[in-house]
């Protein structure tokens, strides 16, 4: 009985630690947090990838538009 109570207590503590990490440091456990989403959006130029992107079709990437080229300089 003592072993079961000890294991239950240990499970609860580990679960609480996991939840705290998931809330405050989501990138550590593979959850995309707000900051990561902001960085992804910035790197993609606020355009969501589609099925016609070069990674899917194998086509070479297109040149950036002049507006985006000025923005990244």
N, C-alpha and C. Protein backbone atom coordinates (compact mmCIF):
# COMPACT_ATOMS: atom_id res chain seq x y z
N UNK A 1 0.82 -1.19 0.00
CA UNK A 1 0.00 0.00 0.00
C UNK A 1 0.86 1.26 0.00
N UNK A 2 1.94 1.23 0.76
CA UNK A 2 2.82 2.40 0.81
C UNK A 2 3.46 2.65 -0.56
N UNK A 3 3.80 1.59 -1.26
CA UNK A 3 4.39 1.72 -2.58
C UNK A 3 3.41 2.39 -3.55
N UNK A 4 2.15 1.97 -3.52
CA UNK A 4 1.13 2.55 -4.39
C UNK A 4 0.94 4.03 -4.09
N UNK A 5 0.89 4.38 -2.83
CA UNK A 5 0.74 5.80 -2.46
C UNK A 5 1.96 6.61 -2.89
N UNK A 6 3.12 6.05 -2.71
CA UNK A 6 4.35 6.73 -3.13
C UNK A 6 4.40 6.95 -4.63
N UNK A 7 4.01 5.92 -5.39
CA UNK A 7 4.01 6.03 -6.85
C UNK A 7 2.94 7.04 -7.32
N UNK A 8 1.79 7.05 -6.67
CA UNK A 8 0.73 8.00 -7.01
C UNK A 8 1.19 9.42 -6.75
N UNK A 9 1.80 9.65 -5.60
CA UNK A 9 2.32 10.97 -5.26
C UNK A 9 3.39 11.40 -6.27
N UNK A 10 4.29 10.48 -6.61
CA UNK A 10 5.34 10.78 -7.59
C UNK A 10 4.73 11.13 -8.95
N UNK A 11 3.73 10.38 -9.40
CA UNK A 11 3.06 10.64 -10.67
C UNK A 11 2.42 12.02 -10.67
N UNK A 12 1.75 12.37 -9.58
CA UNK A 12 1.09 13.68 -9.48
C UNK A 12 2.12 14.80 -9.54
N UNK A 13 3.21 14.66 -8.83
CA UNK A 13 4.26 15.69 -8.84
C UNK A 13 4.86 15.84 -10.23
N UNK A 14 5.19 14.74 -10.88
CA UNK A 14 5.77 14.80 -12.23
C UNK A 14 4.78 15.42 -13.21
N UNK A 15 3.50 15.07 -13.10
CA UNK A 15 2.47 15.65 -13.97
C UNK A 15 2.36 17.15 -13.75
N UNK A 16 2.41 17.60 -12.52
CA UNK A 16 2.34 19.04 -12.21
C UNK A 16 3.55 19.77 -12.80
N UNK A 17 4.72 19.17 -12.71
CA UNK A 17 5.93 19.78 -13.29
C UNK A 17 5.78 19.87 -14.81
N UNK A 18 5.28 18.81 -15.44
CA UNK A 18 5.08 18.81 -16.89
C UNK A 18 4.11 19.91 -17.31
N UNK A 19 3.01 20.04 -16.59
CA UNK A 19 2.03 21.08 -16.92
C UNK A 19 2.63 22.46 -16.76
N UNK A 20 3.41 22.68 -15.72
CA UNK A 20 4.04 23.99 -15.51
C UNK A 20 5.01 24.30 -16.65
N UNK A 21 5.80 23.32 -17.07
CA UNK A 21 6.73 23.52 -18.18
C UNK A 21 5.95 23.77 -19.47
N UNK A 22 4.86 23.04 -19.68
CA UNK A 22 4.05 23.22 -20.89
C UNK A 22 3.46 24.62 -20.96
N UNK A 23 3.13 25.20 -19.82
CA UNK A 23 2.54 26.54 -19.81
C UNK A 23 3.61 27.61 -19.97
N UNK A 24 4.70 27.51 -19.22
CA UNK A 24 5.69 28.58 -19.18
C UNK A 24 6.84 28.41 -20.18
N UNK A 25 7.18 27.21 -20.57
CA UNK A 25 8.27 26.95 -21.52
C UNK A 25 7.83 25.92 -22.56
N UNK A 26 6.83 26.24 -23.37
CA UNK A 26 6.26 25.23 -24.27
C UNK A 26 7.23 24.69 -25.30
N UNK A 27 8.18 25.50 -25.75
CA UNK A 27 9.12 25.03 -26.77
C UNK A 27 10.01 23.90 -26.25
N UNK A 28 10.19 23.81 -24.95
CA UNK A 28 11.03 22.77 -24.36
C UNK A 28 10.45 21.38 -24.58
N UNK A 29 9.13 21.28 -24.71
CA UNK A 29 8.51 19.97 -24.86
C UNK A 29 7.82 19.81 -26.21
N UNK A 30 8.13 20.69 -27.15
CA UNK A 30 7.63 20.52 -28.51
C UNK A 30 6.33 21.22 -28.82
N UNK A 31 5.86 22.08 -27.93
CA UNK A 31 4.64 22.84 -28.20
C UNK A 31 5.06 24.18 -28.79
N UNK A 32 4.45 24.58 -29.88
CA UNK A 32 4.79 25.85 -30.50
C UNK A 32 4.09 26.96 -29.72
N UNK A 33 4.89 27.75 -29.02
CA UNK A 33 4.35 28.85 -28.23
C UNK A 33 4.16 30.11 -29.04
N UNK A 34 3.71 31.17 -28.37
CA UNK A 34 3.45 32.45 -29.03
C UNK A 34 4.70 33.00 -29.70
N UNK A 35 5.81 32.96 -28.99
CA UNK A 35 7.05 33.52 -29.54
C UNK A 35 7.49 32.75 -30.78
N UNK A 36 7.40 31.43 -30.75
CA UNK A 36 7.79 30.63 -31.91
C UNK A 36 6.87 30.91 -33.09
N UNK A 37 5.58 31.07 -32.84
CA UNK A 37 4.64 31.38 -33.91
C UNK A 37 4.94 32.75 -34.53
N UNK A 38 5.33 33.72 -33.69
CA UNK A 38 5.70 35.04 -34.20
C UNK A 38 6.92 34.95 -35.10
N UNK A 39 7.91 34.18 -34.68
CA UNK A 39 9.14 34.03 -35.46
C UNK A 39 8.85 33.32 -36.78
N UNK A 40 8.05 32.27 -36.73
CA UNK A 40 7.69 31.54 -37.96
C UNK A 40 6.97 32.46 -38.92
N UNK A 41 6.02 33.23 -38.41
CA UNK A 41 5.26 34.15 -39.25
C UNK A 41 6.17 35.19 -39.88
N UNK A 42 7.11 35.71 -39.10
CA UNK A 42 8.04 36.72 -39.61
C UNK A 42 8.95 36.13 -40.69
N UNK A 43 9.44 34.92 -40.47
CA UNK A 43 10.33 34.30 -41.44
C UNK A 43 9.63 33.92 -42.74
N UNK A 44 8.34 33.62 -42.65
CA UNK A 44 7.59 33.24 -43.84
C UNK A 44 7.00 34.45 -44.55
N UNK A 45 7.18 35.60 -44.01
CA UNK A 45 6.63 36.80 -44.63
C UNK A 45 5.13 36.86 -44.51
N UNK A 46 4.60 36.33 -43.40
CA UNK A 46 3.16 36.34 -43.12
C UNK A 46 2.35 35.61 -44.17
N UNK A 47 2.95 34.67 -44.88
CA UNK A 47 2.24 33.87 -45.87
C UNK A 47 2.30 32.42 -45.43
N UNK A 48 1.15 31.82 -45.30
CA UNK A 48 1.10 30.41 -44.89
C UNK A 48 1.54 29.53 -46.05
N UNK A 49 2.28 28.46 -45.80
CA UNK A 49 2.70 27.57 -46.88
C UNK A 49 1.50 26.87 -47.51
N UNK A 50 1.60 26.62 -48.79
CA UNK A 50 0.53 25.93 -49.50
C UNK A 50 1.09 24.68 -50.17
N UNK A 51 0.24 23.91 -50.79
CA UNK A 51 0.67 22.68 -51.45
C UNK A 51 1.51 22.96 -52.69
N UNK A 52 1.51 24.20 -53.17
CA UNK A 52 2.29 24.53 -54.37
C UNK A 52 3.66 25.09 -54.03
N UNK A 53 4.03 25.08 -52.76
CA UNK A 53 5.36 25.58 -52.38
C UNK A 53 6.45 24.70 -52.97
N UNK A 54 7.65 25.24 -53.05
CA UNK A 54 8.77 24.54 -53.67
C UNK A 54 9.12 23.23 -52.95
N UNK A 55 8.89 23.16 -51.65
CA UNK A 55 9.21 21.94 -50.92
C UNK A 55 8.32 20.78 -51.36
N UNK A 56 7.12 21.09 -51.78
CA UNK A 56 6.20 20.04 -52.19
C UNK A 56 6.38 19.71 -53.67
N UNK A 57 6.51 20.73 -54.51
CA UNK A 57 6.55 20.51 -55.95
C UNK A 57 7.95 20.25 -56.47
N UNK A 58 8.97 20.65 -55.74
CA UNK A 58 10.33 20.49 -56.21
C UNK A 58 10.79 21.62 -57.11
N UNK A 59 9.93 22.60 -57.33
CA UNK A 59 10.29 23.74 -58.17
C UNK A 59 11.23 24.66 -57.41
N UNK A 60 12.10 25.38 -58.12
CA UNK A 60 12.99 26.31 -57.42
C UNK A 60 12.17 27.46 -56.82
N UNK A 61 12.64 28.01 -55.71
CA UNK A 61 11.90 29.11 -55.08
C UNK A 61 11.92 30.35 -55.97
N UNK A 62 10.84 31.11 -55.91
CA UNK A 62 10.76 32.34 -56.71
C UNK A 62 11.53 33.45 -56.01
N UNK A 63 11.92 34.46 -56.78
CA UNK A 63 12.66 35.60 -56.24
C UNK A 63 11.73 36.42 -55.36
N UNK A 64 12.25 37.03 -54.29
CA UNK A 64 11.40 37.84 -53.43
C UNK A 64 10.92 39.08 -54.16
N UNK A 65 9.75 39.55 -53.78
CA UNK A 65 9.22 40.77 -54.39
C UNK A 65 10.07 41.95 -53.94
N UNK A 66 10.08 43.04 -54.68
CA UNK A 66 10.90 44.21 -54.30
C UNK A 66 10.53 44.76 -52.94
N UNK A 67 9.25 44.67 -52.56
CA UNK A 67 8.83 45.18 -51.25
C UNK A 67 9.48 44.38 -50.13
N UNK A 68 9.49 43.06 -50.26
CA UNK A 68 10.08 42.21 -49.23
C UNK A 68 11.60 42.37 -49.21
N UNK A 69 12.22 42.55 -50.35
CA UNK A 69 13.66 42.71 -50.42
C UNK A 69 14.08 43.97 -49.68
N UNK A 70 13.34 45.04 -49.81
CA UNK A 70 13.65 46.29 -49.11
C UNK A 70 13.45 46.12 -47.60
N UNK A 71 12.41 45.37 -47.24
CA UNK A 71 12.10 45.17 -45.82
C UNK A 71 13.21 44.41 -45.10
N UNK A 72 13.87 43.46 -45.74
CA UNK A 72 14.87 42.62 -45.10
C UNK A 72 16.29 43.18 -45.17
N UNK A 73 16.46 44.34 -45.75
CA UNK A 73 17.81 44.91 -45.86
C UNK A 73 18.19 45.66 -44.63
